[in-house]
Amino acid sequence: MLALACASGCAVVDSARQETITGEALSAARAPSAEQKAALAKAQRQFVKEPTDANRLRLATLLAVLPAPMRNDARAMELLGPLADADSPGFGRFAALLSSQIAERQRLVRELEQVARERSRADREHEQTDKERDKREEALRQQLEALRSIERGILEREDRLRRRPR
């Protein structure tokens, strides 16, 4: 019975810490850049000093929610790896959720980069096609001008022949 009480007590403590970590991360994400850097530095110092699950989760959460250049998804995933377990209550579920969100964001970034590369390639191909079309148009204009010149020459010759006395 004592073990059950301790386990449920730990779950309450983990839940409270998790809410604190979430609150700190949200506050930091909304704060000015200087405060964000300070919160991240503090979390890193705490983790180095005392590498507990709570400090690990705090640092990983900040690394995941802060804007670039402070965001570091790879490091956050590395920190969350040992904690992420969707079947364990408290930190494990939260870490699993955060890991899945980071993985989804990374997938979307990769897709966006792929779309950007494809768009760039399509733009280059379109530009090349436009250049080729412009060259063909210029060649046709030159041919048309040459035909007009020939036609003028023929008309002038016919006009001279008509004016000549016989």
N, C-alpha and C. Protein backbone atom coordinates (compact mmCIF):
# COMPACT_ATOMS: atom_id res chain seq x y z
N MET A 1 0.81 -1.18 0.00
CA MET A 1 0.00 0.00 0.00
C MET A 1 0.87 1.26 0.00
N LEU A 2 1.97 1.17 0.75
CA LEU A 2 2.89 2.29 0.81
C LEU A 2 3.51 2.55 -0.57
N ALA A 3 3.84 1.48 -1.28
CA ALA A 3 4.41 1.62 -2.63
C ALA A 3 3.41 2.27 -3.56
N LEU A 4 2.14 1.90 -3.48
CA LEU A 4 1.10 2.49 -4.32
C LEU A 4 0.95 3.97 -4.01
N ALA A 5 0.98 4.32 -2.73
CA ALA A 5 0.87 5.72 -2.34
C ALA A 5 2.06 6.52 -2.85
N CYS A 6 3.25 5.94 -2.76
CA CYS A 6 4.45 6.62 -3.25
C CYS A 6 4.38 6.80 -4.77
N ALA A 7 3.92 5.78 -5.47
CA ALA A 7 3.83 5.85 -6.93
C ALA A 7 2.84 6.92 -7.35
N SER A 8 1.70 6.96 -6.67
CA SER A 8 0.71 7.98 -7.04
C SER A 8 1.21 9.36 -6.65
N GLY A 9 1.96 9.47 -5.56
CA GLY A 9 2.55 10.74 -5.17
C GLY A 9 3.57 11.22 -6.18
N CYS A 10 4.36 10.31 -6.70
CA CYS A 10 5.35 10.65 -7.73
C CYS A 10 4.66 11.14 -8.99
N ALA A 11 3.55 10.50 -9.33
CA ALA A 11 2.82 10.91 -10.53
C ALA A 11 2.30 12.34 -10.37
N VAL A 12 1.82 12.69 -9.15
CA VAL A 12 1.34 14.05 -8.90
C VAL A 12 2.50 15.04 -8.99
N VAL A 13 3.64 14.68 -8.39
CA VAL A 13 4.82 15.54 -8.43
C VAL A 13 5.28 15.71 -9.88
N ASP A 14 5.36 14.60 -10.65
CA ASP A 14 5.75 14.68 -12.07
C ASP A 14 4.79 15.56 -12.84
N SER A 15 3.50 15.43 -12.55
CA SER A 15 2.50 16.23 -13.25
C SER A 15 2.69 17.72 -12.95
N ALA A 16 2.96 18.02 -11.68
CA ALA A 16 3.19 19.43 -11.31
C ALA A 16 4.46 19.96 -11.98
N ARG A 17 5.53 19.16 -11.98
CA ARG A 17 6.77 19.57 -12.65
C ARG A 17 6.55 19.76 -14.15
N GLN A 18 5.77 18.85 -14.72
CA GLN A 18 5.49 18.92 -16.15
C GLN A 18 4.74 20.21 -16.47
N GLU A 19 3.77 20.57 -15.63
CA GLU A 19 3.05 21.83 -15.84
C GLU A 19 3.99 23.02 -15.69
N THR A 20 4.89 22.95 -14.74
CA THR A 20 5.87 24.03 -14.54
C THR A 20 6.78 24.14 -15.76
N ILE A 21 7.26 23.01 -16.23
CA ILE A 21 8.13 23.00 -17.41
C ILE A 21 7.39 23.58 -18.61
N THR A 22 6.14 23.17 -18.79
CA THR A 22 5.34 23.67 -19.91
C THR A 22 5.13 25.17 -19.77
N GLY A 23 4.80 25.61 -18.56
CA GLY A 23 4.60 27.05 -18.33
C GLY A 23 5.86 27.85 -18.59
N GLU A 24 7.00 27.35 -18.13
CA GLU A 24 8.28 28.03 -18.37
C GLU A 24 8.57 28.11 -19.87
N ALA A 25 8.31 27.04 -20.57
CA ALA A 25 8.58 27.01 -22.01
C ALA A 25 7.68 28.00 -22.75
N LEU A 26 6.41 28.05 -22.39
CA LEU A 26 5.49 28.99 -23.03
C LEU A 26 5.89 30.43 -22.73
N SER A 27 6.25 30.69 -21.48
CA SER A 27 6.69 32.05 -21.12
C SER A 27 7.94 32.44 -21.90
N ALA A 28 8.88 31.53 -21.98
CA ALA A 28 10.12 31.81 -22.71
C ALA A 28 9.85 32.02 -24.20
N ALA A 29 8.95 31.23 -24.76
CA ALA A 29 8.65 31.36 -26.20
C ALA A 29 8.04 32.72 -26.52
N ARG A 30 7.31 33.30 -25.58
CA ARG A 30 6.65 34.60 -25.79
C ARG A 30 7.55 35.77 -25.40
N ALA A 31 8.64 35.50 -24.71
CA ALA A 31 9.51 36.55 -24.18
C ALA A 31 10.40 37.14 -25.27
N PRO A 32 10.99 38.28 -24.99
CA PRO A 32 11.97 38.86 -25.93
C PRO A 32 13.19 37.94 -26.06
N SER A 33 13.94 38.15 -27.10
CA SER A 33 15.07 37.30 -27.43
C SER A 33 16.08 37.17 -26.28
N ALA A 34 16.38 38.26 -25.62
CA ALA A 34 17.37 38.23 -24.53
C ALA A 34 16.89 37.31 -23.40
N GLU A 35 15.61 37.40 -23.09
CA GLU A 35 15.06 36.54 -22.03
C GLU A 35 15.03 35.08 -22.48
N GLN A 36 14.78 34.85 -23.75
CA GLN A 36 14.80 33.48 -24.27
C GLN A 36 16.19 32.88 -24.12
N LYS A 37 17.20 33.65 -24.49
CA LYS A 37 18.58 33.17 -24.37
C LYS A 37 18.93 32.88 -22.92
N ALA A 38 18.48 33.76 -22.02
CA ALA A 38 18.77 33.57 -20.60
C ALA A 38 18.08 32.32 -20.07
N ALA A 39 16.83 32.07 -20.47
CA ALA A 39 16.11 30.88 -20.02
C ALA A 39 16.77 29.62 -20.54
N LEU A 40 17.22 29.65 -21.79
CA LEU A 40 17.89 28.49 -22.37
C LEU A 40 19.23 28.24 -21.66
N ALA A 41 19.98 29.29 -21.41
CA ALA A 41 21.28 29.14 -20.72
C ALA A 41 21.07 28.58 -19.31
N LYS A 42 20.04 29.07 -18.64
CA LYS A 42 19.74 28.59 -17.28
C LYS A 42 19.38 27.10 -17.31
N ALA A 43 18.54 26.71 -18.26
CA ALA A 43 18.14 25.30 -18.37
C ALA A 43 19.35 24.42 -18.69
N GLN A 44 20.24 24.92 -19.54
CA GLN A 44 21.45 24.14 -19.86
C GLN A 44 22.34 23.98 -18.63
N ARG A 45 22.51 25.07 -17.88
CA ARG A 45 23.32 24.99 -16.65
C ARG A 45 22.70 24.01 -15.65
N GLN A 46 21.38 24.07 -15.49
CA GLN A 46 20.71 23.17 -14.55
C GLN A 46 20.88 21.72 -14.97
N PHE A 47 20.78 21.45 -16.26
CA PHE A 47 20.92 20.08 -16.74
C PHE A 47 22.34 19.57 -16.54
N VAL A 48 23.32 20.42 -16.82
CA VAL A 48 24.72 20.01 -16.64
C VAL A 48 25.00 19.77 -15.15
N LYS A 49 24.48 20.64 -14.32
CA LYS A 49 24.70 20.52 -12.88
C LYS A 49 23.99 19.30 -12.30
N GLU A 50 22.75 19.10 -12.73
CA GLU A 50 21.94 18.00 -12.20
C GLU A 50 21.12 17.39 -13.34
N PRO A 51 21.63 16.33 -13.99
CA PRO A 51 20.96 15.76 -15.18
C PRO A 51 19.76 14.87 -14.83
N THR A 52 18.78 15.45 -14.16
CA THR A 52 17.56 14.71 -13.81
C THR A 52 16.62 14.67 -15.01
N ASP A 53 15.61 13.82 -14.92
CA ASP A 53 14.62 13.75 -15.99
C ASP A 53 13.91 15.09 -16.16
N ALA A 54 13.61 15.75 -15.05
CA ALA A 54 12.92 17.04 -15.12
C ALA A 54 13.79 18.08 -15.84
N ASN A 55 15.07 18.15 -15.49
CA ASN A 55 15.96 19.12 -16.14
C ASN A 55 16.19 18.75 -17.61
N ARG A 56 16.24 17.47 -17.89
CA ARG A 56 16.38 16.99 -19.27
C ARG A 56 15.16 17.43 -20.09
N LEU A 57 13.98 17.22 -19.53
CA LEU A 57 12.74 17.57 -20.21
C LEU A 57 12.63 19.09 -20.36
N ARG A 58 13.02 19.84 -19.33
CA ARG A 58 12.97 21.31 -19.38
C ARG A 58 13.84 21.82 -20.53
N LEU A 59 15.06 21.34 -20.61
CA LEU A 59 15.98 21.78 -21.66
C LEU A 59 15.47 21.37 -23.04
N ALA A 60 15.02 20.13 -23.16
CA ALA A 60 14.51 19.65 -24.45
C ALA A 60 13.30 20.46 -24.89
N THR A 61 12.42 20.78 -23.96
CA THR A 61 11.22 21.56 -24.30
C THR A 61 11.61 22.94 -24.79
N LEU A 62 12.53 23.58 -24.11
CA LEU A 62 12.98 24.90 -24.56
C LEU A 62 13.63 24.83 -25.93
N LEU A 63 14.46 23.82 -26.14
CA LEU A 63 15.11 23.66 -27.44
C LEU A 63 14.10 23.42 -28.55
N ALA A 64 12.95 22.88 -28.20
CA ALA A 64 11.93 22.58 -29.20
C ALA A 64 11.01 23.76 -29.48
N VAL A 65 10.74 24.60 -28.46
CA VAL A 65 9.73 25.65 -28.65
C VAL A 65 10.30 27.03 -28.96
N LEU A 66 11.56 27.26 -28.64
CA LEU A 66 12.13 28.57 -28.92
C LEU A 66 12.33 28.76 -30.42
N PRO A 67 12.28 29.99 -30.87
CA PRO A 67 12.46 30.24 -32.31
C PRO A 67 13.93 30.09 -32.71
N ALA A 68 14.15 29.95 -34.00
CA ALA A 68 15.51 29.90 -34.53
C ALA A 68 16.16 31.23 -34.20
N PRO A 69 17.39 31.29 -33.91
CA PRO A 69 18.43 30.27 -34.00
C PRO A 69 18.61 29.46 -32.71
N MET A 70 17.80 29.73 -31.71
CA MET A 70 17.94 28.99 -30.45
C MET A 70 17.35 27.59 -30.52
N ARG A 71 16.41 27.40 -31.43
CA ARG A 71 15.78 26.08 -31.57
C ARG A 71 16.83 25.09 -32.07
N ASN A 72 16.78 23.89 -31.50
CA ASN A 72 17.70 22.84 -31.93
C ASN A 72 16.95 21.52 -31.81
N ASP A 73 16.23 21.16 -32.87
CA ASP A 73 15.41 19.95 -32.85
C ASP A 73 16.23 18.69 -32.65
N ALA A 74 17.40 18.64 -33.26
CA ALA A 74 18.24 17.43 -33.14
C ALA A 74 18.66 17.21 -31.69
N ARG A 75 19.09 18.27 -31.03
CA ARG A 75 19.50 18.16 -29.63
C ARG A 75 18.30 17.84 -28.75
N ALA A 76 17.16 18.44 -29.03
CA ALA A 76 15.95 18.15 -28.25
C ALA A 76 15.57 16.68 -28.38
N MET A 77 15.62 16.15 -29.60
CA MET A 77 15.29 14.73 -29.80
C MET A 77 16.28 13.83 -29.05
N GLU A 78 17.55 14.23 -29.06
CA GLU A 78 18.57 13.47 -28.36
C GLU A 78 18.28 13.44 -26.85
N LEU A 79 17.87 14.57 -26.32
CA LEU A 79 17.55 14.65 -24.89
C LEU A 79 16.27 13.89 -24.55
N LEU A 80 15.30 13.91 -25.45
CA LEU A 80 14.02 13.27 -25.19
C LEU A 80 14.07 11.75 -25.35
N GLY A 81 15.02 11.27 -26.14
CA GLY A 81 15.11 9.84 -26.44
C GLY A 81 14.99 8.93 -25.23
N PRO A 82 15.80 9.13 -24.19
CA PRO A 82 15.72 8.23 -23.03
C PRO A 82 14.41 8.36 -22.24
N LEU A 83 13.72 9.48 -22.39
CA LEU A 83 12.49 9.69 -21.63
C LEU A 83 11.24 9.26 -22.37
N ALA A 84 11.25 9.40 -23.68
CA ALA A 84 10.04 9.22 -24.49
C ALA A 84 9.51 7.80 -24.42
N ASP A 85 8.37 7.65 -23.78
CA ASP A 85 7.70 6.36 -23.67
C ASP A 85 6.22 6.66 -23.50
N ALA A 86 5.46 6.47 -24.55
CA ALA A 86 4.03 6.81 -24.53
C ALA A 86 3.26 5.99 -23.51
N ASP A 87 3.80 4.87 -23.08
CA ASP A 87 3.09 4.01 -22.13
C ASP A 87 3.39 4.36 -20.67
N SER A 88 4.39 5.20 -20.44
CA SER A 88 4.69 5.55 -19.05
C SER A 88 4.07 6.90 -18.73
N PRO A 89 3.51 7.04 -17.54
CA PRO A 89 2.84 8.29 -17.19
C PRO A 89 3.84 9.42 -16.96
N GLY A 90 3.34 10.62 -16.93
CA GLY A 90 4.17 11.78 -16.59
C GLY A 90 5.13 12.18 -17.68
N PHE A 91 6.40 12.26 -17.31
CA PHE A 91 7.42 12.73 -18.24
C PHE A 91 7.51 11.90 -19.50
N GLY A 92 7.31 10.59 -19.37
CA GLY A 92 7.43 9.70 -20.53
C GLY A 92 6.43 10.04 -21.62
N ARG A 93 5.19 10.25 -21.25
CA ARG A 93 4.16 10.60 -22.25
C ARG A 93 4.42 11.97 -22.85
N PHE A 94 4.75 12.90 -21.96
CA PHE A 94 5.02 14.25 -22.46
C PHE A 94 6.21 14.25 -23.41
N ALA A 95 7.26 13.52 -23.04
CA ALA A 95 8.45 13.43 -23.90
C ALA A 95 8.10 12.76 -25.23
N ALA A 96 7.25 11.73 -25.18
CA ALA A 96 6.83 11.06 -26.41
C ALA A 96 6.03 12.01 -27.29
N LEU A 97 5.13 12.77 -26.68
CA LEU A 97 4.34 13.75 -27.44
C LEU A 97 5.24 14.80 -28.06
N LEU A 98 6.14 15.35 -27.27
CA LEU A 98 7.04 16.37 -27.78
C LEU A 98 7.94 15.81 -28.88
N SER A 99 8.42 14.58 -28.71
CA SER A 99 9.24 13.94 -29.75
C SER A 99 8.46 13.79 -31.05
N SER A 100 7.21 13.39 -30.94
CA SER A 100 6.42 13.22 -32.16
C SER A 100 6.15 14.56 -32.84
N GLN A 101 5.97 15.61 -32.06
CA GLN A 101 5.76 16.93 -32.64
C GLN A 101 7.02 17.44 -33.34
N ILE A 102 8.17 17.19 -32.71
CA ILE A 102 9.44 17.61 -33.32
C ILE A 102 9.67 16.81 -34.61
N ALA A 103 9.40 15.52 -34.56
CA ALA A 103 9.58 14.69 -35.76
C ALA A 103 8.66 15.16 -36.89
N GLU A 104 7.45 15.53 -36.55
CA GLU A 104 6.50 16.03 -37.56
C GLU A 104 7.01 17.36 -38.14
N ARG A 105 7.50 18.23 -37.28
CA ARG A 105 8.02 19.51 -37.77
C ARG A 105 9.21 19.27 -38.69
N GLN A 106 10.10 18.33 -38.32
CA GLN A 106 11.25 18.02 -39.16
C GLN A 106 10.80 17.45 -40.50
N ARG A 107 9.77 16.61 -40.48
CA ARG A 107 9.24 16.05 -41.73
C ARG A 107 8.69 17.18 -42.61
N LEU A 108 7.95 18.10 -42.01
CA LEU A 108 7.39 19.21 -42.78
C LEU A 108 8.49 20.11 -43.34
N VAL A 109 9.53 20.32 -42.58
CA VAL A 109 10.66 21.13 -43.07
C VAL A 109 11.31 20.45 -44.26
N ARG A 110 11.51 19.12 -44.14
CA ARG A 110 12.10 18.39 -45.28
C ARG A 110 11.21 18.48 -46.51
N GLU A 111 9.90 18.34 -46.32
CA GLU A 111 8.98 18.44 -47.46
C GLU A 111 9.01 19.85 -48.05
N LEU A 112 9.06 20.85 -47.20
CA LEU A 112 9.11 22.23 -47.67
C LEU A 112 10.39 22.48 -48.46
N GLU A 113 11.50 21.95 -47.98
CA GLU A 113 12.77 22.09 -48.70
C GLU A 113 12.70 21.38 -50.05
N GLN A 114 12.06 20.20 -50.07
CA GLN A 114 11.93 19.47 -51.33
C GLN A 114 11.06 20.25 -52.31
N VAL A 115 9.97 20.82 -51.83
CA VAL A 115 9.09 21.62 -52.68
C VAL A 115 9.85 22.84 -53.20
N ALA A 116 10.65 23.45 -52.33
CA ALA A 116 11.44 24.62 -52.75
C ALA A 116 12.45 24.23 -53.83
N ARG A 117 13.09 23.07 -53.66
CA ARG A 117 14.04 22.60 -54.69
C ARG A 117 13.31 22.34 -56.01
N GLU A 118 12.15 21.69 -55.92
CA GLU A 118 11.38 21.41 -57.14
C GLU A 118 10.93 22.71 -57.80
N ARG A 119 10.52 23.67 -56.99
CA ARG A 119 10.09 24.95 -57.53
C ARG A 119 11.25 25.66 -58.22
N SER A 120 12.41 25.61 -57.59
CA SER A 120 13.59 26.23 -58.16
C SER A 120 13.95 25.58 -59.50
N ARG A 121 13.88 24.25 -59.52
CA ARG A 121 14.18 23.53 -60.76
C ARG A 121 13.15 23.88 -61.84
N ALA A 122 11.88 23.96 -61.45
CA ALA A 122 10.83 24.32 -62.42
C ALA A 122 11.03 25.74 -62.92
N ASP A 123 11.43 26.64 -62.03
CA ASP A 123 11.70 28.02 -62.45
C ASP A 123 12.85 28.08 -63.44
N ARG A 124 13.91 27.30 -63.16
CA ARG A 124 15.05 27.28 -64.09
C ARG A 124 14.62 26.72 -65.45
N GLU A 125 13.83 25.64 -65.42
CA GLU A 125 13.35 25.05 -66.68
C GLU A 125 12.47 26.04 -67.43
N HIS A 126 11.61 26.75 -66.70
CA HIS A 126 10.73 27.74 -67.32
C HIS A 126 11.56 28.87 -67.93
N GLU A 127 12.58 29.29 -67.21
CA GLU A 127 13.46 30.34 -67.71
C GLU A 127 14.18 29.88 -68.98
N GLN A 128 14.65 28.63 -68.96
CA GLN A 128 15.32 28.08 -70.14
C GLN A 128 14.35 28.00 -71.32
N THR A 129 13.14 27.55 -71.06
CA THR A 129 12.12 27.48 -72.10
C THR A 129 11.83 28.87 -72.66
N ASP A 130 11.73 29.86 -71.77
CA ASP A 130 11.50 31.24 -72.22
C ASP A 130 12.64 31.73 -73.11
N LYS A 131 13.88 31.42 -72.73
CA LYS A 131 15.02 31.84 -73.54
C LYS A 131 14.98 31.19 -74.92
N GLU A 132 14.67 29.90 -74.94
CA GLU A 132 14.58 29.19 -76.22
C GLU A 132 13.46 29.77 -77.09
N ARG A 133 12.33 30.07 -76.47
CA ARG A 133 11.21 30.67 -77.20
C ARG A 133 11.61 32.03 -77.75
N ASP A 134 12.30 32.83 -76.93
CA ASP A 134 12.74 34.15 -77.38
C ASP A 134 13.70 34.03 -78.56
N LYS A 135 14.59 33.03 -78.51
CA LYS A 135 15.52 32.82 -79.63
C LYS A 135 14.76 32.45 -80.90
N ARG A 136 13.78 31.56 -80.77
CA ARG A 136 12.97 31.17 -81.94
C ARG A 136 12.20 32.37 -82.49
N GLU A 137 11.63 33.16 -81.59
CA GLU A 137 10.91 34.35 -82.04
C GLU A 137 11.83 35.32 -82.78
N GLU A 138 13.03 35.51 -82.24
CA GLU A 138 13.99 36.40 -82.89
C GLU A 138 14.39 35.87 -84.27
N ALA A 139 14.60 34.55 -84.36
CA ALA A 139 14.94 33.95 -85.66
C ALA A 139 13.79 34.13 -86.64
N LEU A 140 12.57 33.95 -86.17
CA LEU A 140 11.40 34.14 -87.06
C LEU A 140 11.27 35.61 -87.47
N ARG A 141 11.53 36.55 -86.56
CA ARG A 141 11.49 37.97 -86.91
C ARG A 141 12.52 38.29 -87.99
N GLN A 142 13.70 37.74 -87.83
CA GLN A 142 14.76 37.98 -88.82
C GLN A 142 14.36 37.39 -90.17
N GLN A 143 13.78 36.19 -90.16
CA GLN A 143 13.33 35.57 -91.41
C GLN A 143 12.23 36.41 -92.06
N LEU A 144 11.30 36.89 -91.22
CA LEU A 144 10.21 37.73 -91.73
C LEU A 144 10.77 39.02 -92.32
N GLU A 145 11.72 39.63 -91.64
CA GLU A 145 12.33 40.86 -92.15
C GLU A 145 13.07 40.58 -93.46
N ALA A 146 13.73 39.43 -93.54
CA ALA A 146 14.42 39.07 -94.79
C ALA A 146 13.41 38.89 -95.92
N LEU A 147 12.28 38.23 -95.65
CA LEU A 147 11.24 38.06 -96.67
C LEU A 147 10.66 39.40 -97.10
N ARG A 148 10.46 40.29 -96.15
CA ARG A 148 9.94 41.63 -96.48
C ARG A 148 10.94 42.38 -97.35
N SER A 149 12.22 42.22 -97.03
CA SER A 149 13.27 42.89 -97.82
C SER A 149 13.27 42.34 -99.24
N ILE A 150 13.14 41.03 -99.37
CA ILE A 150 13.07 40.41 -100.70
C ILE A 150 11.84 40.92 -101.44
N GLU A 151 10.72 40.99 -100.74
CA GLU A 151 9.48 41.47 -101.36
C GLU A 151 9.64 42.91 -101.82
N ARG A 152 10.24 43.76 -100.99
CA ARG A 152 10.48 45.16 -101.38
C ARG A 152 11.37 45.22 -102.63
N GLY A 153 12.40 44.37 -102.62
CA GLY A 153 13.31 44.35 -103.77
C GLY A 153 12.57 43.95 -105.05
N ILE A 154 11.69 42.96 -104.94
CA ILE A 154 10.92 42.51 -106.11
C ILE A 154 9.99 43.62 -106.58
N LEU A 155 9.30 44.25 -105.62
CA LEU A 155 8.38 45.34 -105.97
C LEU A 155 9.12 46.52 -106.62
N GLU A 156 10.29 46.84 -106.10
CA GLU A 156 11.08 47.94 -106.67
C GLU A 156 11.53 47.59 -108.09
N ARG A 157 11.96 46.35 -108.29
CA ARG A 157 12.39 45.93 -109.62
C ARG A 157 11.22 45.98 -110.60
N GLU A 158 10.06 45.48 -110.18
CA GLU A 158 8.88 45.53 -111.04
C GLU A 158 8.50 46.97 -111.36
N ASP A 159 8.61 47.83 -110.36
CA ASP A 159 8.28 49.24 -110.56
C ASP A 159 9.24 49.88 -111.56
N ARG A 160 10.52 49.57 -111.46
CA ARG A 160 11.51 50.10 -112.41
C ARG A 160 11.25 49.58 -113.82
N LEU A 161 10.90 48.30 -113.91
CA LEU A 161 10.62 47.72 -115.23
C LEU A 161 9.40 48.37 -115.87
N ARG A 162 8.41 48.71 -115.08
CA ARG A 162 7.21 49.36 -115.61
C ARG A 162 7.50 50.78 -116.06
N ARG A 163 8.38 51.45 -115.42
CA ARG A 163 8.68 52.84 -115.73
C ARG A 163 9.62 52.98 -116.94
N ARG A 164 10.35 51.97 -117.25
CA ARG A 164 11.26 52.02 -118.39
C ARG A 164 10.47 52.17 -119.68
N PRO A 165 10.98 53.06 -120.48
CA PRO A 165 10.30 53.20 -121.77
C PRO A 165 10.64 52.02 -122.66
N ARG A 166 9.76 51.66 -123.45
CA ARG A 166 9.97 50.51 -124.32
C ARG A 166 10.29 50.90 -125.68
